[in-house]
């Protein structure tokens, strides 16, 4: 099974919001990503609306032809928006106003009742639910108890590892977590910090079905264009999986 690629287009909107302009439009970006072979479009509607806006999500719901994946905090406001828009999938993520980007996985153990209620509401509406978590068996077990469909493993520590020894340790955690989640009947996705240089070993983990990648693709698109940047990442994922 070839791994799927979901392209996160938040940073297209980041560039737009720097000037509060009408361009570059993430709607146009989504079309180019799909033309480049993306299997889905991911956006994070944050509480502070620092990049993606409500308008973006509503229009994307109409024009995305693959899959729309909405990243959101497990709050009442976001649940109401998701139930109104009905994306194919929702990924529950932690959120802090001061952070530059998502700093780690959602602590499901500490917020189990809230998460369980959000998962139930979304699934009752026919929305697939994923939880973004660190590669930790206890967190994975709790995600299963919350009846999530999928987990998305936070790959940030692997990507930011200072040396080969630390990176190998983090890779082992990802492998063990992916295998454990799969045995529990959970689908497994992965994302955060992945780029064209570090994706290969993670993409070779056969239990991981989907990768959500944004910043590195948007950054490369400055040089080669968005459609080509997406296509190159798709080819890397396929090549890595073919070598298993």
C-alpha atoms as a PDB file:
ATOM      1  CA  UNK A   1       0.000   0.000   0.000  1.00  0.00           C
ATOM      2  CA  UNK A   2       1.451   3.341  -0.993  1.00  0.00           C
ATOM      3  CA  UNK A   3       1.381   6.035   1.702  1.00  0.00           C
ATOM      4  CA  UNK A   4      -0.951   8.955   1.161  1.00  0.00           C
ATOM      5  CA  UNK A   5       0.138  12.604   1.276  1.00  0.00           C
ATOM      6  CA  UNK A   6      -1.971  15.288   2.896  1.00  0.00           C
ATOM      7  CA  UNK A   7      -0.591  18.747   2.182  1.00  0.00           C
ATOM      8  CA  UNK A   8      -0.979  21.332   4.925  1.00  0.00           C
ATOM      9  CA  UNK A   9      -1.488  24.742   3.298  1.00  0.00           C
ATOM     10  CA  UNK A  10      -1.515  26.842   6.491  1.00  0.00           C
ATOM     11  CA  UNK A  11       1.648  28.702   5.520  1.00  0.00           C
ATOM     12  CA  UNK A  12       0.166  29.872   2.243  1.00  0.00           C
ATOM     13  CA  UNK A  13      -2.330  31.680   4.453  1.00  0.00           C
ATOM     14  CA  UNK A  14       0.482  32.817   6.771  1.00  0.00           C
ATOM     15  CA  UNK A  15       2.077  34.705   3.884  1.00  0.00           C
ATOM     16  CA  UNK A  16      -1.253  36.292   3.024  1.00  0.00           C
ATOM     17  CA  UNK A  17      -1.974  37.364   6.601  1.00  0.00           C
ATOM     18  CA  UNK A  18       1.422  39.063   7.002  1.00  0.00           C
ATOM     19  CA  UNK A  19       0.007  41.883   4.874  1.00  0.00           C
ATOM     20  CA  UNK A  20      -3.688  41.160   5.452  1.00  0.00           C
ATOM     21  CA  UNK A  21      -3.877  40.853   1.682  1.00  0.00           C
ATOM     22  CA  UNK A  22      -6.127  38.736  -0.514  1.00  0.00           C
ATOM     23  CA  UNK A  23      -3.170  36.787  -1.916  1.00  0.00           C
ATOM     24  CA  UNK A  24      -1.701  34.219  -1.977  1.00  0.00           C
ATOM     25  CA  UNK A  25      -5.023  32.440  -1.728  1.00  0.00           C
ATOM     26  CA  UNK A  26      -4.962  29.005  -0.039  1.00  0.00           C
ATOM     27  CA  UNK A  27      -7.924  28.020  -2.219  1.00  0.00           C
ATOM     28  CA  UNK A  28      -5.789  28.271  -5.349  1.00  0.00           C
ATOM     29  CA  UNK A  29      -2.982  26.495  -3.499  1.00  0.00           C
ATOM     30  CA  UNK A  30      -5.279  23.549  -2.727  1.00  0.00           C
ATOM     31  CA  UNK A  31      -6.060  23.131  -6.417  1.00  0.00           C
ATOM     32  CA  UNK A  32      -2.355  23.089  -7.302  1.00  0.00           C
ATOM     33  CA  UNK A  33      -1.648  20.558  -4.548  1.00  0.00           C
ATOM     34  CA  UNK A  34      -4.287  18.202  -5.897  1.00  0.00           C
ATOM     35  CA  UNK A  35      -2.914  18.624  -9.420  1.00  0.00           C
ATOM     36  CA  UNK A  36       0.491  17.690  -7.998  1.00  0.00           C
ATOM     37  CA  UNK A  37      -0.873  14.416  -6.660  1.00  0.00           C
ATOM     38  CA  UNK A  38      -1.862  15.247  -3.077  1.00  0.00           C
ATOM     39  CA  UNK A  39      -4.320  12.801  -1.542  1.00  0.00           C
ATOM     40  CA  UNK A  40      -5.796  15.410   0.763  1.00  0.00           C
ATOM     41  CA  UNK A  41      -5.663  19.002   1.949  1.00  0.00           C
ATOM     42  CA  UNK A  42      -5.042  19.814   5.608  1.00  0.00           C
ATOM     43  CA  UNK A  43      -5.707  23.127   7.348  1.00  0.00           C
ATOM     44  CA  UNK A  44      -5.528  24.151  11.003  1.00  0.00           C
ATOM     45  CA  UNK A  45      -8.219  26.618  12.010  1.00  0.00           C
ATOM     46  CA  UNK A  46      -6.646  28.128  15.105  1.00  0.00           C
ATOM     47  CA  UNK A  47      -8.457  30.002  17.850  1.00  0.00           C
ATOM     48  CA  UNK A  48      -6.524  33.203  17.067  1.00  0.00           C
ATOM     49  CA  UNK A  49      -7.050  32.798  13.275  1.00  0.00           C
ATOM     50  CA  UNK A  50      -3.372  33.570  12.686  1.00  0.00           C
ATOM     51  CA  UNK A  51      -3.372  32.017   9.221  1.00  0.00           C
ATOM     52  CA  UNK A  52      -6.370  29.978   8.000  1.00  0.00           C
ATOM     53  CA  UNK A  53      -9.670  31.875   8.224  1.00  0.00           C
ATOM     54  CA  UNK A  54     -13.230  30.600   8.494  1.00  0.00           C
ATOM     55  CA  UNK A  55     -13.830  31.703   4.914  1.00  0.00           C
ATOM     56  CA  UNK A  56     -10.980  29.499   3.717  1.00  0.00           C
ATOM     57  CA  UNK A  57     -12.367  26.359   5.336  1.00  0.00           C
ATOM     58  CA  UNK A  58     -15.852  26.935   3.961  1.00  0.00           C
ATOM     59  CA  UNK A  59     -14.645  27.425   0.393  1.00  0.00           C
ATOM     60  CA  UNK A  60     -12.213  24.527   0.647  1.00  0.00           C
ATOM     61  CA  UNK A  61     -15.106  22.297   1.691  1.00  0.00           C
ATOM     62  CA  UNK A  62     -16.688  23.100  -1.678  1.00  0.00           C
ATOM     63  CA  UNK A  63     -13.666  22.813  -3.969  1.00  0.00           C
ATOM     64  CA  UNK A  64     -11.422  20.065  -2.524  1.00  0.00           C
ATOM     65  CA  UNK A  65     -11.884  16.909  -4.578  1.00  0.00           C
ATOM     66  CA  UNK A  66      -9.672  14.556  -2.556  1.00  0.00           C
ATOM     67  CA  UNK A  67     -10.141  14.879   1.205  1.00  0.00           C
ATOM     68  CA  UNK A  68     -10.389  17.871   3.527  1.00  0.00           C
ATOM     69  CA  UNK A  69      -8.723  17.316   6.890  1.00  0.00           C
ATOM     70  CA  UNK A  70      -9.440  19.952   9.532  1.00  0.00           C
ATOM     71  CA  UNK A  71      -6.956  20.273  12.388  1.00  0.00           C
ATOM     72  CA  UNK A  72      -8.535  21.854  15.450  1.00  0.00           C
ATOM     73  CA  UNK A  73      -8.406  22.101  19.210  1.00  0.00           C
ATOM     74  CA  UNK A  74     -11.082  20.048  21.025  1.00  0.00           C
ATOM     75  CA  UNK A  75     -13.185  23.087  21.964  1.00  0.00           C
ATOM     76  CA  UNK A  76     -16.903  23.814  21.750  1.00  0.00           C
ATOM     77  CA  UNK A  77     -16.383  26.525  19.113  1.00  0.00           C
ATOM     78  CA  UNK A  78     -14.358  24.248  16.842  1.00  0.00           C
ATOM     79  CA  UNK A  79     -16.730  21.313  17.218  1.00  0.00           C
ATOM     80  CA  UNK A  80     -19.610  23.545  16.118  1.00  0.00           C
ATOM     81  CA  UNK A  81     -17.637  24.692  13.068  1.00  0.00           C
ATOM     82  CA  UNK A  82     -16.688  21.122  12.146  1.00  0.00           C
ATOM     83  CA  UNK A  83     -20.274  19.917  12.490  1.00  0.00           C
ATOM     84  CA  UNK A  84     -21.406  22.749  10.222  1.00  0.00           C
ATOM     85  CA  UNK A  85     -18.709  22.304   7.545  1.00  0.00           C
ATOM     86  CA  UNK A  86     -18.469  18.472   7.683  1.00  0.00           C
ATOM     87  CA  UNK A  87     -14.895  17.811   6.481  1.00  0.00           C
ATOM     88  CA  UNK A  88     -14.073  14.195   5.709  1.00  0.00           C
ATOM     89  CA  UNK A  89     -11.766  14.087   8.714  1.00  0.00           C
ATOM     90  CA  UNK A  90     -10.823  16.066  11.799  1.00  0.00           C
ATOM     91  CA  UNK A  91      -7.509  15.862  13.645  1.00  0.00           C
ATOM     92  CA  UNK A  92      -7.636  16.977  17.273  1.00  0.00           C
ATOM     93  CA  UNK A  93      -4.513  18.913  18.260  1.00  0.00           C
ATOM     94  CA  UNK A  94      -3.311  20.870  21.298  1.00  0.00           C
ATOM     95  CA  UNK A  95      -3.143  24.621  20.943  1.00  0.00           C
ATOM     96  CA  UNK A  96      -1.345  27.434  22.754  1.00  0.00           C
ATOM     97  CA  UNK A  97      -1.619  31.050  21.688  1.00  0.00           C
ATOM     98  CA  UNK A  98       2.082  31.794  22.300  1.00  0.00           C
ATOM     99  CA  UNK A  99       3.477  28.882  20.292  1.00  0.00           C
ATOM    100  CA  UNK A 100       4.998  29.344  16.832  1.00  0.00           C
ATOM    101  CA  UNK A 101       3.690  25.941  15.768  1.00  0.00           C
ATOM    102  CA  UNK A 102       2.174  22.928  17.484  1.00  0.00           C
ATOM    103  CA  UNK A 103       4.748  21.948  20.097  1.00  0.00           C
ATOM    104  CA  UNK A 104       3.706  18.366  20.861  1.00  0.00           C
ATOM    105  CA  UNK A 105       0.923  15.870  20.872  1.00  0.00           C
ATOM    106  CA  UNK A 106      -2.405  16.227  22.622  1.00  0.00           C
ATOM    107  CA  UNK A 107      -2.304  14.882  26.185  1.00  0.00           C
ATOM    108  CA  UNK A 108      -5.280  12.564  25.904  1.00  0.00           C
ATOM    109  CA  UNK A 109      -4.708  11.119  29.379  1.00  0.00           C
ATOM    110  CA  UNK A 110      -5.200  14.506  31.040  1.00  0.00           C
ATOM    111  CA  UNK A 111      -8.229  15.471  28.940  1.00  0.00           C
ATOM    112  CA  UNK A 112      -9.867  12.118  28.343  1.00  0.00           C
ATOM    113  CA  UNK A 113     -13.464  13.112  29.138  1.00  0.00           C
ATOM    114  CA  UNK A 114     -13.340  16.193  26.910  1.00  0.00           C
ATOM    115  CA  UNK A 115     -11.700  14.288  24.070  1.00  0.00           C
ATOM    116  CA  UNK A 116     -14.123  11.381  24.373  1.00  0.00           C
ATOM    117  CA  UNK A 117     -17.087  13.753  24.096  1.00  0.00           C
ATOM    118  CA  UNK A 118     -15.642  15.555  21.074  1.00  0.00           C
ATOM    119  CA  UNK A 119     -14.831  12.279  19.311  1.00  0.00           C
ATOM    120  CA  UNK A 120     -18.371  11.019  19.873  1.00  0.00           C
ATOM    121  CA  UNK A 121     -19.982  14.216  18.528  1.00  0.00           C
ATOM    122  CA  UNK A 122     -17.845  14.230  15.392  1.00  0.00           C
ATOM    123  CA  UNK A 123     -18.204  10.518  14.658  1.00  0.00           C
ATOM    124  CA  UNK A 124     -21.970  10.729  15.093  1.00  0.00           C
ATOM    125  CA  UNK A 125     -21.887  13.251  12.254  1.00  0.00           C
ATOM    126  CA  UNK A 126     -19.970  10.846  10.018  1.00  0.00           C
ATOM    127  CA  UNK A 127     -16.611  12.600  10.402  1.00  0.00           C
ATOM    128  CA  UNK A 128     -13.488  10.458  10.766  1.00  0.00           C
ATOM    129  CA  UNK A 129     -11.554  11.502  13.875  1.00  0.00           C
ATOM    130  CA  UNK A 130      -7.804  11.456  14.368  1.00  0.00           C
ATOM    131  CA  UNK A 131      -5.861  12.506  17.466  1.00  0.00           C
ATOM    132  CA  UNK A 132      -2.403  14.065  17.151  1.00  0.00           C
ATOM    133  CA  UNK A 133      -0.262  12.457  19.852  1.00  0.00           C
ATOM    134  CA  UNK A 134       3.339  11.816  20.803  1.00  0.00           C
ATOM    135  CA  UNK A 135       4.686   8.303  20.096  1.00  0.00           C
ATOM    136  CA  UNK A 136       3.747   7.034  23.549  1.00  0.00           C
ATOM    137  CA  UNK A 137       1.950   3.736  24.192  1.00  0.00           C
ATOM    138  CA  UNK A 138      -0.118   5.106  27.092  1.00  0.00           C
ATOM    139  CA  UNK A 139      -1.402   7.991  24.956  1.00  0.00           C
ATOM    140  CA  UNK A 140      -2.182   5.616  22.104  1.00  0.00           C
ATOM    141  CA  UNK A 141      -4.102   3.323  24.442  1.00  0.00           C
ATOM    142  CA  UNK A 142      -6.141   6.259  25.712  1.00  0.00           C
ATOM    143  CA  UNK A 143      -6.864   7.422  22.159  1.00  0.00           C
ATOM    144  CA  UNK A 144      -8.244   3.961  21.483  1.00  0.00           C
ATOM    145  CA  UNK A 145     -10.434   4.193  24.598  1.00  0.00           C
ATOM    146  CA  UNK A 146     -11.767   7.497  23.304  1.00  0.00           C
ATOM    147  CA  UNK A 147     -12.827   5.578  20.177  1.00  0.00           C
ATOM    148  CA  UNK A 148     -10.757   7.619  17.747  1.00  0.00           C
ATOM    149  CA  UNK A 149     -10.495   6.157  14.261  1.00  0.00           C
ATOM    150  CA  UNK A 150      -6.907   7.228  13.730  1.00  0.00           C
ATOM    151  CA  UNK A 151      -3.856   8.555  15.528  1.00  0.00           C
ATOM    152  CA  UNK A 152      -1.354  10.936  13.974  1.00  0.00           C
ATOM    153  CA  UNK A 153       2.105  10.452  15.416  1.00  0.00           C
ATOM    154  CA  UNK A 154       3.999  13.623  16.222  1.00  0.00           C
ATOM    155  CA  UNK A 155       7.333  13.321  14.391  1.00  0.00           C
ATOM    156  CA  UNK A 156       8.842  16.559  15.712  1.00  0.00           C
ATOM    157  CA  UNK A 157      11.381  15.011  18.076  1.00  0.00           C
ATOM    158  CA  UNK A 158      12.636  12.711  15.333  1.00  0.00           C
ATOM    159  CA  UNK A 159      13.002  15.644  12.936  1.00  0.00           C
ATOM    160  CA  UNK A 160      14.712  17.880  15.507  1.00  0.00           C
ATOM    161  CA  UNK A 161      17.083  15.214  16.887  1.00  0.00           C
ATOM    162  CA  UNK A 162      20.568  16.715  17.379  1.00  0.00           C
ATOM    163  CA  UNK A 163      22.499  13.641  16.245  1.00  0.00           C
ATOM    164  CA  UNK A 164      22.164  10.172  14.758  1.00  0.00           C
ATOM    165  CA  UNK A 165      21.875   8.401  18.114  1.00  0.00           C
ATOM    166  CA  UNK A 166      18.940  10.549  19.224  1.00  0.00           C
ATOM    167  CA  UNK A 167      17.313  10.262  15.822  1.00  0.00           C
ATOM    168  CA  UNK A 168      17.558   6.471  15.868  1.00  0.00           C
ATOM    169  CA  UNK A 169      15.965   6.427  19.323  1.00  0.00           C
ATOM    170  CA  UNK A 170      13.084   8.589  18.123  1.00  0.00           C
ATOM    171  CA  UNK A 171      12.691   6.476  14.990  1.00  0.00           C
ATOM    172  CA  UNK A 172      12.394   3.373  17.171  1.00  0.00           C
ATOM    173  CA  UNK A 173       9.670   5.059  19.212  1.00  0.00           C
ATOM    174  CA  UNK A 174       7.767   5.867  16.026  1.00  0.00           C
ATOM    175  CA  UNK A 175       8.105   2.306  14.728  1.00  0.00           C
ATOM    176  CA  UNK A 176       7.000   0.750  18.028  1.00  0.00           C
ATOM    177  CA  UNK A 177       4.091   3.171  18.378  1.00  0.00           C
ATOM    178  CA  UNK A 178       2.893   2.625  14.816  1.00  0.00           C
ATOM    179  CA  UNK A 179       2.963  -1.152  15.261  1.00  0.00           C
ATOM    180  CA  UNK A 180       1.173  -0.976  18.626  1.00  0.00           C
ATOM    181  CA  UNK A 181      -1.543   1.330  17.295  1.00  0.00           C
ATOM    182  CA  UNK A 182      -2.101  -0.856  14.253  1.00  0.00           C
ATOM    183  CA  UNK A 183      -2.509  -3.925  16.468  1.00  0.00           C
ATOM    184  CA  UNK A 184      -5.143  -2.021  18.460  1.00  0.00           C
ATOM    185  CA  UNK A 185      -7.107  -1.473  15.245  1.00  0.00           C
ATOM    186  CA  UNK A 186      -6.203   2.189  14.870  1.00  0.00           C
ATOM    187  CA  UNK A 187      -5.209   3.750  11.567  1.00  0.00           C
ATOM    188  CA  UNK A 188      -1.845   5.498  11.772  1.00  0.00           C
ATOM    189  CA  UNK A 189      -0.829   8.837  10.246  1.00  0.00           C
ATOM    190  CA  UNK A 190       2.255  10.942  10.941  1.00  0.00           C
ATOM    191  CA  UNK A 191       3.413  14.517  10.633  1.00  0.00           C
ATOM    192  CA  UNK A 192       5.280  17.564  11.918  1.00  0.00           C
ATOM    193  CA  UNK A 193       8.690  18.752  10.782  1.00  0.00           C
ATOM    194  CA  UNK A 194       9.005  16.226   7.969  1.00  0.00           C
ATOM    195  CA  UNK A 195      10.909  17.404   4.895  1.00  0.00           C
ATOM    196  CA  UNK A 196      12.612  16.139   1.752  1.00  0.00           C
ATOM    197  CA  UNK A 197      15.752  15.125   3.661  1.00  0.00           C
ATOM    198  CA  UNK A 198      14.320  13.309   6.703  1.00  0.00           C
ATOM    199  CA  UNK A 199      11.184  11.673   5.299  1.00  0.00           C
ATOM    200  CA  UNK A 200      12.723   8.485   3.936  1.00  0.00           C
ATOM    201  CA  UNK A 201      13.104   6.398   7.115  1.00  0.00           C
ATOM    202  CA  UNK A 202       9.708   7.401   8.484  1.00  0.00           C
ATOM    203  CA  UNK A 203       7.998   6.777   5.152  1.00  0.00           C
ATOM    204  CA  UNK A 204       9.382   3.232   5.268  1.00  0.00           C
ATOM    205  CA  UNK A 205       7.248   2.437   8.347  1.00  0.00           C
ATOM    206  CA  UNK A 206       4.586   0.368   6.619  1.00  0.00           C
ATOM    207  CA  UNK A 207       1.921   0.849   9.323  1.00  0.00           C
ATOM    208  CA  UNK A 208       1.788   4.587   8.605  1.00  0.00           C
ATOM    209  CA  UNK A 209      -0.920   5.184   6.028  1.00  0.00           C
ATOM    210  CA  UNK A 210      -0.773   8.955   5.609  1.00  0.00           C
ATOM    211  CA  UNK A 211       1.689  11.805   6.076  1.00  0.00           C
ATOM    212  CA  UNK A 212       0.573  15.383   6.650  1.00  0.00           C
ATOM    213  CA  UNK A 213       3.323  17.741   5.536  1.00  0.00           C
ATOM    214  CA  UNK A 214       3.151  21.493   5.059  1.00  0.00           C
ATOM    215  CA  UNK A 215       6.010  23.865   5.838  1.00  0.00           C
ATOM    216  CA  UNK A 216       8.728  22.075   3.866  1.00  0.00           C
ATOM    217  CA  UNK A 217       6.505  21.726   0.785  1.00  0.00           C
ATOM    218  CA  UNK A 218       5.438  25.371   0.882  1.00  0.00           C
ATOM    219  CA  UNK A 219       9.070  26.429   1.407  1.00  0.00           C
ATOM    220  CA  UNK A 220      10.262  24.388  -1.580  1.00  0.00           C
ATOM    221  CA  UNK A 221       7.466  25.777  -3.713  1.00  0.00           C
ATOM    222  CA  UNK A 222       9.169  29.188  -3.547  1.00  0.00           C
ATOM    223  CA  UNK A 223      11.877  27.723  -5.795  1.00  0.00           C
ATOM    224  CA  UNK A 224      10.121  25.137  -7.942  1.00  0.00           C
ATOM    225  CA  UNK A 225       6.405  25.931  -7.744  1.00  0.00           C
ATOM    226  CA  UNK A 226       3.767  24.299  -5.584  1.00  0.00           C
ATOM    227  CA  UNK A 227       2.578  21.619  -7.975  1.00  0.00           C
ATOM    228  CA  UNK A 228       6.122  20.338  -8.542  1.00  0.00           C
ATOM    229  CA  UNK A 229       6.985  20.522  -4.831  1.00  0.00           C
ATOM    230  CA  UNK A 230       3.991  18.310  -4.029  1.00  0.00           C
ATOM    231  CA  UNK A 231       4.828  15.880  -6.824  1.00  0.00           C
ATOM    232  CA  UNK A 232       8.401  15.510  -5.568  1.00  0.00           C
ATOM    233  CA  UNK A 233       7.188  14.635  -2.068  1.00  0.00           C
ATOM    234  CA  UNK A 234       4.694  12.119  -3.458  1.00  0.00           C
ATOM    235  CA  UNK A 235       7.514  10.453  -5.386  1.00  0.00           C
ATOM    236  CA  UNK A 236       9.742  10.313  -2.286  1.00  0.00           C
ATOM    237  CA  UNK A 237       6.998   8.624  -0.270  1.00  0.00           C
ATOM    238  CA  UNK A 238       6.372   6.069  -2.978  1.00  0.00           C
ATOM    239  CA  UNK A 239      10.069   5.339  -3.398  1.00  0.00           C
ATOM    240  CA  UNK A 240      10.624   4.873   0.337  1.00  0.00           C
ATOM    241  CA  UNK A 241       7.704   2.451   0.614  1.00  0.00           C
ATOM    242  CA  UNK A 242       8.847   0.494  -2.436  1.00  0.00           C
ATOM    243  CA  UNK A 243      12.152  -0.283  -0.698  1.00  0.00           C
ATOM    244  CA  UNK A 244      10.577  -2.144   2.234  1.00  0.00           C
END
